[in-house]
Every structure is written in structure tokens, then in C-alpha cells.
N, C-alpha and C. Protein backbone atom coordinates (compact mmCIF):
# COMPACT_ATOMS: atom_id res chain seq x y z
N UNK A 1 24.07 52.36 24.55
CA UNK A 1 24.72 51.55 23.53
C UNK A 1 25.06 50.17 24.08
N UNK A 2 25.62 50.10 25.30
CA UNK A 2 25.97 48.81 25.89
C UNK A 2 24.74 47.99 26.22
N UNK A 3 23.61 48.66 26.53
CA UNK A 3 22.37 47.94 26.81
C UNK A 3 21.89 47.24 25.53
N UNK A 4 21.99 47.92 24.40
CA UNK A 4 21.60 47.34 23.12
C UNK A 4 22.48 46.12 22.79
N UNK A 5 23.74 46.19 23.12
CA UNK A 5 24.65 45.08 22.89
C UNK A 5 24.25 43.86 23.73
N UNK A 6 23.90 44.08 24.99
CA UNK A 6 23.46 42.98 25.86
C UNK A 6 22.12 42.39 25.40
N UNK A 7 21.23 43.22 24.91
CA UNK A 7 19.94 42.74 24.39
C UNK A 7 20.17 41.86 23.16
N UNK A 8 21.04 42.31 22.27
CA UNK A 8 21.34 41.53 21.06
C UNK A 8 21.99 40.19 21.43
N UNK A 9 22.88 40.21 22.42
CA UNK A 9 23.51 38.98 22.88
C UNK A 9 22.47 38.04 23.48
N UNK A 10 21.54 38.58 24.25
CA UNK A 10 20.47 37.79 24.85
C UNK A 10 19.58 37.15 23.79
N UNK A 11 19.22 37.92 22.75
CA UNK A 11 18.40 37.39 21.65
C UNK A 11 19.15 36.29 20.92
N UNK A 12 20.43 36.50 20.69
CA UNK A 12 21.24 35.50 20.00
C UNK A 12 21.28 34.19 20.80
N UNK A 13 21.50 34.28 22.11
CA UNK A 13 21.54 33.07 22.95
C UNK A 13 20.18 32.40 22.99
N UNK A 14 19.11 33.19 23.08
CA UNK A 14 17.76 32.62 23.08
C UNK A 14 17.49 31.85 21.79
N UNK A 15 17.85 32.42 20.65
CA UNK A 15 17.62 31.75 19.36
C UNK A 15 18.45 30.47 19.26
N UNK A 16 19.67 30.50 19.79
CA UNK A 16 20.52 29.33 19.73
C UNK A 16 19.92 28.18 20.55
N UNK A 17 19.46 28.48 21.76
CA UNK A 17 18.84 27.45 22.59
C UNK A 17 17.54 26.94 21.98
N UNK A 18 16.78 27.83 21.38
CA UNK A 18 15.52 27.44 20.75
C UNK A 18 15.77 26.47 19.59
N UNK A 19 16.79 26.78 18.80
CA UNK A 19 17.13 25.91 17.66
C UNK A 19 17.60 24.54 18.14
N UNK A 20 18.42 24.50 19.19
CA UNK A 20 18.88 23.22 19.74
C UNK A 20 17.72 22.40 20.28
N UNK A 21 16.77 23.06 20.94
CA UNK A 21 15.61 22.35 21.49
C UNK A 21 14.76 21.75 20.37
N UNK A 22 14.58 22.50 19.29
CA UNK A 22 13.81 22.01 18.15
C UNK A 22 14.49 20.81 17.50
N UNK A 23 15.81 20.88 17.35
CA UNK A 23 16.58 19.77 16.78
C UNK A 23 16.47 18.52 17.66
N UNK A 24 16.53 18.70 18.97
CA UNK A 24 16.40 17.57 19.89
C UNK A 24 15.01 16.95 19.81
N UNK A 25 13.98 17.77 19.66
CA UNK A 25 12.63 17.25 19.52
C UNK A 25 12.49 16.43 18.23
N UNK A 26 13.06 16.93 17.14
CA UNK A 26 12.99 16.19 15.88
C UNK A 26 13.74 14.86 15.99
N UNK A 27 14.90 14.87 16.64
CA UNK A 27 15.69 13.66 16.82
C UNK A 27 14.94 12.66 17.68
N UNK A 28 14.28 13.12 18.75
CA UNK A 28 13.51 12.24 19.62
C UNK A 28 12.32 11.63 18.88
N UNK A 29 11.68 12.43 18.03
CA UNK A 29 10.57 11.92 17.23
C UNK A 29 11.05 10.85 16.26
N UNK A 30 12.20 11.07 15.64
CA UNK A 30 12.77 10.10 14.71
C UNK A 30 13.12 8.81 15.45
N UNK A 31 13.75 8.93 16.61
CA UNK A 31 14.15 7.75 17.39
C UNK A 31 12.92 6.95 17.83
N UNK A 32 11.80 7.62 18.06
CA UNK A 32 10.60 6.90 18.49
C UNK A 32 10.01 6.06 17.36
N UNK A 33 10.31 6.39 16.12
CA UNK A 33 9.81 5.63 14.98
C UNK A 33 10.66 4.41 14.68
N UNK A 34 11.85 4.32 15.28
CA UNK A 34 12.75 3.20 15.02
C UNK A 34 12.15 1.90 15.55
N UNK A 35 12.36 0.84 14.78
CA UNK A 35 11.95 -0.49 15.19
C UNK A 35 12.27 -1.46 14.07
N UNK A 36 12.36 -2.74 14.39
CA UNK A 36 12.63 -3.72 13.34
C UNK A 36 11.57 -3.68 12.24
N UNK A 37 12.04 -3.72 11.00
CA UNK A 37 11.15 -3.71 9.85
C UNK A 37 10.91 -2.35 9.25
N UNK A 38 11.46 -1.28 9.83
CA UNK A 38 11.25 0.08 9.33
C UNK A 38 12.32 0.39 8.28
N UNK A 39 11.91 0.93 7.14
CA UNK A 39 12.84 1.34 6.09
C UNK A 39 13.41 2.70 6.44
N UNK A 40 14.74 2.82 6.38
CA UNK A 40 15.42 4.06 6.78
C UNK A 40 16.51 4.43 5.78
N UNK A 41 17.01 5.67 5.91
CA UNK A 41 18.15 6.14 5.14
C UNK A 41 19.19 6.68 6.11
N UNK A 42 20.45 6.37 5.85
CA UNK A 42 21.53 6.85 6.71
C UNK A 42 22.02 8.21 6.23
N UNK A 43 22.84 8.85 7.05
CA UNK A 43 23.37 10.16 6.70
C UNK A 43 24.31 10.10 5.50
N UNK A 44 24.85 8.92 5.20
CA UNK A 44 25.75 8.79 4.06
C UNK A 44 25.08 8.13 2.87
N UNK A 45 23.74 8.06 2.87
CA UNK A 45 22.99 7.69 1.68
C UNK A 45 22.66 6.23 1.50
N UNK A 46 22.88 5.38 2.49
CA UNK A 46 22.50 3.98 2.37
C UNK A 46 21.05 3.82 2.77
N UNK A 47 20.30 3.06 1.97
CA UNK A 47 18.93 2.74 2.28
C UNK A 47 18.89 1.31 2.80
N UNK A 48 18.09 1.06 3.81
CA UNK A 48 17.99 -0.29 4.34
C UNK A 48 16.80 -0.43 5.27
N UNK A 49 16.65 -1.64 5.77
CA UNK A 49 15.57 -1.96 6.70
C UNK A 49 16.20 -2.34 8.03
N UNK A 50 15.68 -1.79 9.11
CA UNK A 50 16.21 -2.08 10.44
C UNK A 50 15.91 -3.53 10.80
N UNK A 51 16.96 -4.25 11.19
CA UNK A 51 16.83 -5.64 11.63
C UNK A 51 16.91 -5.72 13.15
N UNK A 52 17.86 -4.98 13.73
CA UNK A 52 18.09 -5.07 15.16
C UNK A 52 18.60 -3.72 15.66
N UNK A 53 18.24 -3.38 16.91
CA UNK A 53 18.72 -2.16 17.54
C UNK A 53 19.38 -2.55 18.86
N UNK A 54 20.65 -2.13 19.03
CA UNK A 54 21.38 -2.37 20.27
C UNK A 54 21.39 -1.06 21.06
N UNK A 55 20.48 -0.97 22.05
CA UNK A 55 20.34 0.27 22.82
C UNK A 55 21.60 0.57 23.65
N UNK A 56 22.25 -0.48 24.18
CA UNK A 56 23.40 -0.29 25.06
C UNK A 56 24.58 0.35 24.33
N UNK A 57 24.82 -0.06 23.09
CA UNK A 57 25.97 0.45 22.34
C UNK A 57 25.58 1.43 21.24
N UNK A 58 24.30 1.82 21.17
CA UNK A 58 23.80 2.76 20.15
C UNK A 58 24.12 2.30 18.74
N UNK A 59 23.86 1.03 18.45
CA UNK A 59 24.11 0.48 17.12
C UNK A 59 22.80 -0.01 16.51
N UNK A 60 22.71 0.13 15.21
CA UNK A 60 21.55 -0.34 14.46
C UNK A 60 22.06 -1.26 13.36
N UNK A 61 21.47 -2.43 13.24
CA UNK A 61 21.82 -3.36 12.17
C UNK A 61 20.79 -3.18 11.06
N UNK A 62 21.29 -2.85 9.86
CA UNK A 62 20.44 -2.62 8.70
C UNK A 62 20.62 -3.74 7.70
N UNK A 63 19.53 -4.14 7.07
CA UNK A 63 19.59 -5.08 5.95
C UNK A 63 19.51 -4.24 4.69
N UNK A 64 20.64 -4.15 3.98
CA UNK A 64 20.72 -3.32 2.78
C UNK A 64 20.05 -4.00 1.60
N UNK A 65 20.25 -5.29 1.47
CA UNK A 65 19.59 -6.12 0.48
C UNK A 65 19.51 -7.51 1.11
N UNK A 66 18.75 -8.42 0.55
CA UNK A 66 18.61 -9.74 1.19
C UNK A 66 19.97 -10.39 1.43
N UNK A 67 20.27 -10.62 2.71
CA UNK A 67 21.52 -11.27 3.08
C UNK A 67 22.68 -10.33 3.34
N UNK A 68 22.54 -9.03 3.03
CA UNK A 68 23.62 -8.06 3.26
C UNK A 68 23.27 -7.18 4.44
N UNK A 69 24.04 -7.32 5.52
CA UNK A 69 23.78 -6.56 6.74
C UNK A 69 24.88 -5.54 6.95
N UNK A 70 24.53 -4.41 7.54
CA UNK A 70 25.50 -3.37 7.90
C UNK A 70 25.13 -2.87 9.29
N UNK A 71 26.15 -2.66 10.10
CA UNK A 71 25.95 -2.12 11.44
C UNK A 71 26.43 -0.67 11.44
N UNK A 72 25.56 0.25 11.83
CA UNK A 72 25.89 1.67 11.85
C UNK A 72 25.53 2.25 13.21
N UNK A 73 26.09 3.40 13.52
CA UNK A 73 25.75 4.10 14.74
C UNK A 73 24.30 4.58 14.63
N UNK A 74 23.62 4.59 15.74
CA UNK A 74 22.21 4.96 15.74
C UNK A 74 21.98 6.36 15.19
N UNK A 75 22.89 7.29 15.45
CA UNK A 75 22.72 8.66 14.96
C UNK A 75 22.98 8.80 13.47
N UNK A 76 23.56 7.77 12.84
CA UNK A 76 23.79 7.82 11.40
C UNK A 76 22.48 7.64 10.63
N UNK A 77 21.48 7.06 11.28
CA UNK A 77 20.17 6.90 10.64
C UNK A 77 19.45 8.23 10.79
N UNK A 78 19.25 8.92 9.66
CA UNK A 78 18.73 10.28 9.72
C UNK A 78 17.32 10.44 9.19
N UNK A 79 16.80 9.42 8.51
CA UNK A 79 15.48 9.60 7.91
C UNK A 79 14.73 8.27 7.88
N UNK A 80 13.47 8.31 8.25
CA UNK A 80 12.60 7.15 8.14
C UNK A 80 11.86 7.28 6.82
N UNK A 81 11.99 6.27 5.98
CA UNK A 81 11.39 6.32 4.65
C UNK A 81 9.93 5.86 4.75
N UNK A 82 9.04 6.73 4.36
CA UNK A 82 7.63 6.40 4.34
C UNK A 82 7.32 5.69 3.03
N UNK A 83 6.41 4.72 3.05
CA UNK A 83 6.07 4.05 1.79
C UNK A 83 5.45 5.04 0.82
N UNK A 84 5.85 4.94 -0.44
CA UNK A 84 5.36 5.85 -1.46
C UNK A 84 3.91 5.53 -1.78
N UNK A 85 3.11 6.57 -1.90
CA UNK A 85 1.71 6.41 -2.25
C UNK A 85 1.61 6.38 -3.77
N UNK A 86 0.96 5.35 -4.28
CA UNK A 86 0.82 5.22 -5.73
C UNK A 86 -0.14 6.30 -6.24
N UNK A 87 0.24 7.03 -7.30
CA UNK A 87 -0.67 8.03 -7.84
C UNK A 87 -1.88 7.37 -8.47
N UNK A 88 -2.98 8.10 -8.44
CA UNK A 88 -4.19 7.55 -9.05
C UNK A 88 -3.99 7.41 -10.55
N UNK A 89 -4.49 6.31 -11.09
CA UNK A 89 -4.33 6.05 -12.51
C UNK A 89 -5.24 6.98 -13.30
N UNK A 90 -4.67 7.66 -14.28
CA UNK A 90 -5.45 8.53 -15.15
C UNK A 90 -6.17 7.66 -16.19
N UNK A 91 -7.34 8.08 -16.60
CA UNK A 91 -8.03 7.30 -17.61
C UNK A 91 -7.21 7.24 -18.89
N UNK A 92 -7.16 6.06 -19.49
CA UNK A 92 -6.34 5.86 -20.68
C UNK A 92 -7.01 6.50 -21.89
N UNK A 93 -6.26 7.31 -22.60
CA UNK A 93 -6.75 7.92 -23.82
C UNK A 93 -6.00 7.25 -24.97
N UNK A 94 -6.73 6.55 -25.84
CA UNK A 94 -6.04 5.85 -26.93
C UNK A 94 -5.44 6.83 -27.92
N UNK A 95 -4.33 6.41 -28.48
CA UNK A 95 -3.65 7.15 -29.54
C UNK A 95 -4.53 7.13 -30.78
N UNK A 96 -4.50 8.17 -31.58
CA UNK A 96 -5.30 8.16 -32.80
C UNK A 96 -4.86 7.05 -33.73
N UNK A 97 -3.56 6.87 -33.88
CA UNK A 97 -3.06 5.85 -34.79
C UNK A 97 -3.29 4.45 -34.25
N UNK A 98 -3.20 4.27 -32.95
CA UNK A 98 -3.35 2.92 -32.40
C UNK A 98 -4.81 2.51 -32.31
N UNK A 99 -5.73 3.46 -32.34
CA UNK A 99 -7.13 3.09 -32.22
C UNK A 99 -7.76 2.76 -33.57
N UNK A 100 -7.08 3.09 -34.64
CA UNK A 100 -7.62 2.77 -35.97
C UNK A 100 -7.36 1.32 -36.31
N UNK A 101 -8.35 0.69 -36.87
CA UNK A 101 -8.18 -0.67 -37.38
C UNK A 101 -8.48 -0.67 -38.86
N UNK A 102 -8.19 -1.76 -39.48
CA UNK A 102 -8.41 -1.81 -40.93
C UNK A 102 -9.88 -1.69 -41.27
N UNK A 103 -10.78 -2.18 -40.39
CA UNK A 103 -12.21 -2.07 -40.69
C UNK A 103 -12.68 -0.62 -40.55
N UNK A 104 -12.08 0.15 -39.62
CA UNK A 104 -12.47 1.55 -39.49
C UNK A 104 -12.00 2.34 -40.71
N UNK A 105 -10.84 2.00 -41.23
CA UNK A 105 -10.33 2.70 -42.40
C UNK A 105 -11.22 2.44 -43.60
N UNK A 106 -11.87 1.26 -43.64
CA UNK A 106 -12.74 0.92 -44.76
C UNK A 106 -14.11 1.56 -44.62
N UNK A 107 -14.39 2.16 -43.48
CA UNK A 107 -15.66 2.84 -43.32
C UNK A 107 -16.60 2.11 -42.38
N UNK A 108 -16.29 0.92 -41.96
CA UNK A 108 -17.15 0.22 -41.01
C UNK A 108 -16.58 0.43 -39.62
N UNK A 109 -17.42 0.28 -38.66
CA UNK A 109 -16.96 0.48 -37.29
C UNK A 109 -16.82 -0.85 -36.58
N UNK A 110 -15.81 -0.93 -35.73
CA UNK A 110 -15.58 -2.14 -34.93
C UNK A 110 -15.90 -1.80 -33.48
N UNK A 111 -15.93 -2.81 -32.66
CA UNK A 111 -16.18 -2.59 -31.23
C UNK A 111 -15.03 -1.77 -30.66
N UNK A 112 -15.35 -0.81 -29.79
CA UNK A 112 -14.26 0.01 -29.23
C UNK A 112 -13.33 -0.83 -28.37
N UNK A 113 -12.07 -0.48 -28.42
CA UNK A 113 -11.06 -1.21 -27.65
C UNK A 113 -11.17 -0.81 -26.18
N UNK A 114 -10.90 -1.76 -25.32
CA UNK A 114 -10.92 -1.47 -23.89
C UNK A 114 -9.61 -0.78 -23.52
N UNK A 115 -9.59 -0.22 -22.31
CA UNK A 115 -8.40 0.50 -21.86
C UNK A 115 -7.21 -0.45 -21.74
N UNK A 116 -7.46 -1.69 -21.36
CA UNK A 116 -6.37 -2.66 -21.22
C UNK A 116 -5.78 -3.02 -22.57
N UNK A 117 -6.61 -3.01 -23.61
CA UNK A 117 -6.11 -3.34 -24.94
C UNK A 117 -5.33 -2.19 -25.56
N UNK A 118 -5.69 -0.95 -25.22
CA UNK A 118 -5.03 0.18 -25.87
C UNK A 118 -3.73 0.57 -25.21
N UNK A 119 -3.60 0.32 -23.91
CA UNK A 119 -2.35 0.66 -23.23
C UNK A 119 -1.77 -0.56 -22.59
N UNK A 120 -0.49 -0.72 -22.76
CA UNK A 120 0.23 -1.82 -22.12
C UNK A 120 1.17 -1.20 -21.10
N UNK A 121 0.63 -0.87 -19.94
CA UNK A 121 1.43 -0.23 -18.90
C UNK A 121 2.29 -1.26 -18.20
N UNK A 122 3.51 -0.90 -17.86
CA UNK A 122 4.36 -1.84 -17.14
C UNK A 122 3.79 -2.13 -15.76
N UNK A 123 4.01 -3.36 -15.29
CA UNK A 123 3.46 -3.79 -14.02
C UNK A 123 4.22 -3.20 -12.85
N UNK A 124 5.52 -3.00 -12.98
CA UNK A 124 6.32 -2.49 -11.88
C UNK A 124 7.15 -1.30 -12.33
N UNK A 125 7.71 -0.60 -11.36
CA UNK A 125 8.56 0.55 -11.68
C UNK A 125 9.83 0.12 -12.39
N UNK A 126 10.33 -1.09 -12.07
CA UNK A 126 11.55 -1.59 -12.70
C UNK A 126 11.33 -1.83 -14.20
N UNK A 127 10.10 -2.24 -14.56
CA UNK A 127 9.83 -2.49 -15.96
C UNK A 127 9.66 -1.20 -16.75
N UNK A 128 9.37 -0.10 -16.06
CA UNK A 128 9.14 1.15 -16.77
C UNK A 128 10.43 1.89 -17.09
N UNK A 129 11.56 1.40 -16.61
CA UNK A 129 12.82 2.06 -16.91
C UNK A 129 13.26 1.71 -18.32
N UNK A 130 14.27 2.41 -18.78
CA UNK A 130 14.75 2.20 -20.15
C UNK A 130 15.49 0.87 -20.29
N UNK A 131 16.01 0.34 -19.18
CA UNK A 131 16.75 -0.89 -19.23
C UNK A 131 15.89 -2.05 -18.76
N UNK A 132 16.01 -3.22 -19.41
CA UNK A 132 15.22 -4.37 -18.95
C UNK A 132 15.73 -4.86 -17.60
N UNK A 133 14.83 -5.50 -16.86
CA UNK A 133 15.20 -6.03 -15.54
C UNK A 133 16.15 -7.21 -15.72
N UNK A 134 17.16 -7.27 -14.85
CA UNK A 134 18.13 -8.36 -14.89
C UNK A 134 18.05 -9.15 -13.60
N UNK A 135 18.34 -10.42 -13.71
CA UNK A 135 18.48 -11.22 -12.51
C UNK A 135 19.88 -10.96 -11.94
N UNK A 136 20.10 -11.26 -10.67
CA UNK A 136 21.44 -11.05 -10.12
C UNK A 136 22.52 -11.82 -10.87
N UNK A 137 22.21 -13.04 -11.34
CA UNK A 137 23.19 -13.81 -12.10
C UNK A 137 23.55 -13.13 -13.42
N UNK A 138 22.52 -12.57 -14.10
CA UNK A 138 22.79 -11.88 -15.36
C UNK A 138 23.64 -10.63 -15.13
N UNK A 139 23.38 -9.93 -14.02
CA UNK A 139 24.16 -8.74 -13.70
C UNK A 139 25.62 -9.09 -13.45
N UNK A 140 25.88 -10.14 -12.67
CA UNK A 140 27.25 -10.57 -12.42
C UNK A 140 27.95 -10.97 -13.70
N UNK A 141 27.26 -11.69 -14.56
CA UNK A 141 27.86 -12.11 -15.84
C UNK A 141 28.19 -10.90 -16.69
N UNK A 142 27.28 -9.93 -16.76
CA UNK A 142 27.50 -8.72 -17.55
C UNK A 142 28.69 -7.93 -17.01
N UNK A 143 28.75 -7.76 -15.69
CA UNK A 143 29.86 -7.00 -15.10
C UNK A 143 31.18 -7.71 -15.29
N UNK A 144 31.21 -9.03 -15.18
CA UNK A 144 32.45 -9.78 -15.41
C UNK A 144 32.90 -9.67 -16.86
N UNK A 145 31.93 -9.71 -17.79
CA UNK A 145 32.28 -9.59 -19.20
C UNK A 145 32.81 -8.18 -19.51
N UNK A 146 32.26 -7.15 -18.89
CA UNK A 146 32.74 -5.79 -19.11
C UNK A 146 34.16 -5.62 -18.59
N UNK A 147 34.48 -6.29 -17.48
CA UNK A 147 35.82 -6.21 -16.92
C UNK A 147 36.85 -6.85 -17.83
N UNK A 148 36.47 -7.90 -18.54
CA UNK A 148 37.39 -8.57 -19.46
C UNK A 148 37.65 -7.74 -20.70
N UNK A 149 36.64 -6.96 -21.12
CA UNK A 149 36.80 -6.13 -22.32
C UNK A 149 37.77 -4.97 -22.05
N UNK A 150 37.76 -4.44 -20.82
CA UNK A 150 38.60 -3.28 -20.50
C UNK A 150 40.08 -3.65 -20.46
N UNK A 151 40.42 -4.88 -20.10
CA UNK A 151 41.85 -5.22 -19.96
C UNK A 151 42.44 -5.83 -21.20
């Protein structure tokens, strides 16, 4: 019975060391990817681009947005953000209602519409959201106006 207890303790210690070694390898791999210009995410959810790394004090300077810098501990950077791969564009299938023209309704046929004419896809991800894109000045004005309405 005591031999079984020592075996279980040995397995437990082995698994603990194995897990620590794996974590250290992952951390070393992450640290090797660090460098100026790399997009990263911190452990507390801030996204930014590495501007400078201070090896002596274990500090990383992140640019959160143009002109906004934050200095965080090197271990707070937990993920390197890989650039998103754009999905392949599916062939555009025109809507039945949008492909009809007045000449087709009359029985004559018109030249078929091109894919660019039938679909007006937004150029950027910001344009595809439900809200229109704002300039920083418009955002500040809107937020200031909302603050005046509340008081």
C-alpha cells in the first residue's frame, strides 16, 4: 500500500515538472517573437504594437493607438497577434429582385449585370458595421454632446 502511495506521488511530481517545462517552452517561444512592430495583446486585454523593449528592466513600450504609448511588464504581453487572413471572396449571386430591370419585365433582355454592379460590398471592415465610420473629431463632439444631455 505504501509503495502505491510513493508511485502516485512520483507520477504527480513528474506531471507537475512536465507541465512547468511545457509552459516555459511556450513562454520562450513567445518571447522570441517579440520585436518592434509586432502586434500583441496583454494579459489584461490591451492590443498594441511593440515600439521598444527594455531588456534590463523587463519593460515593453506599446503603441495602443497613434500617439498613445503604454509601458507594461514584459510578462504582461501574453499573445502575439497574427495578421488575419482575408477569406476568399465567394462569387456574387445577384438577388432575383435586384437583377430585374424594366426591359426584362417587358419581355426583352438586357445585358447581364456584372458582379460589381450587382453587389456593393463595403471596402473595409469598419464600413461593414451597423454604425458609420466617424472621425476622431466627430467622436469627441458626439461624446461631449451626450455628456451635456445627461446632466
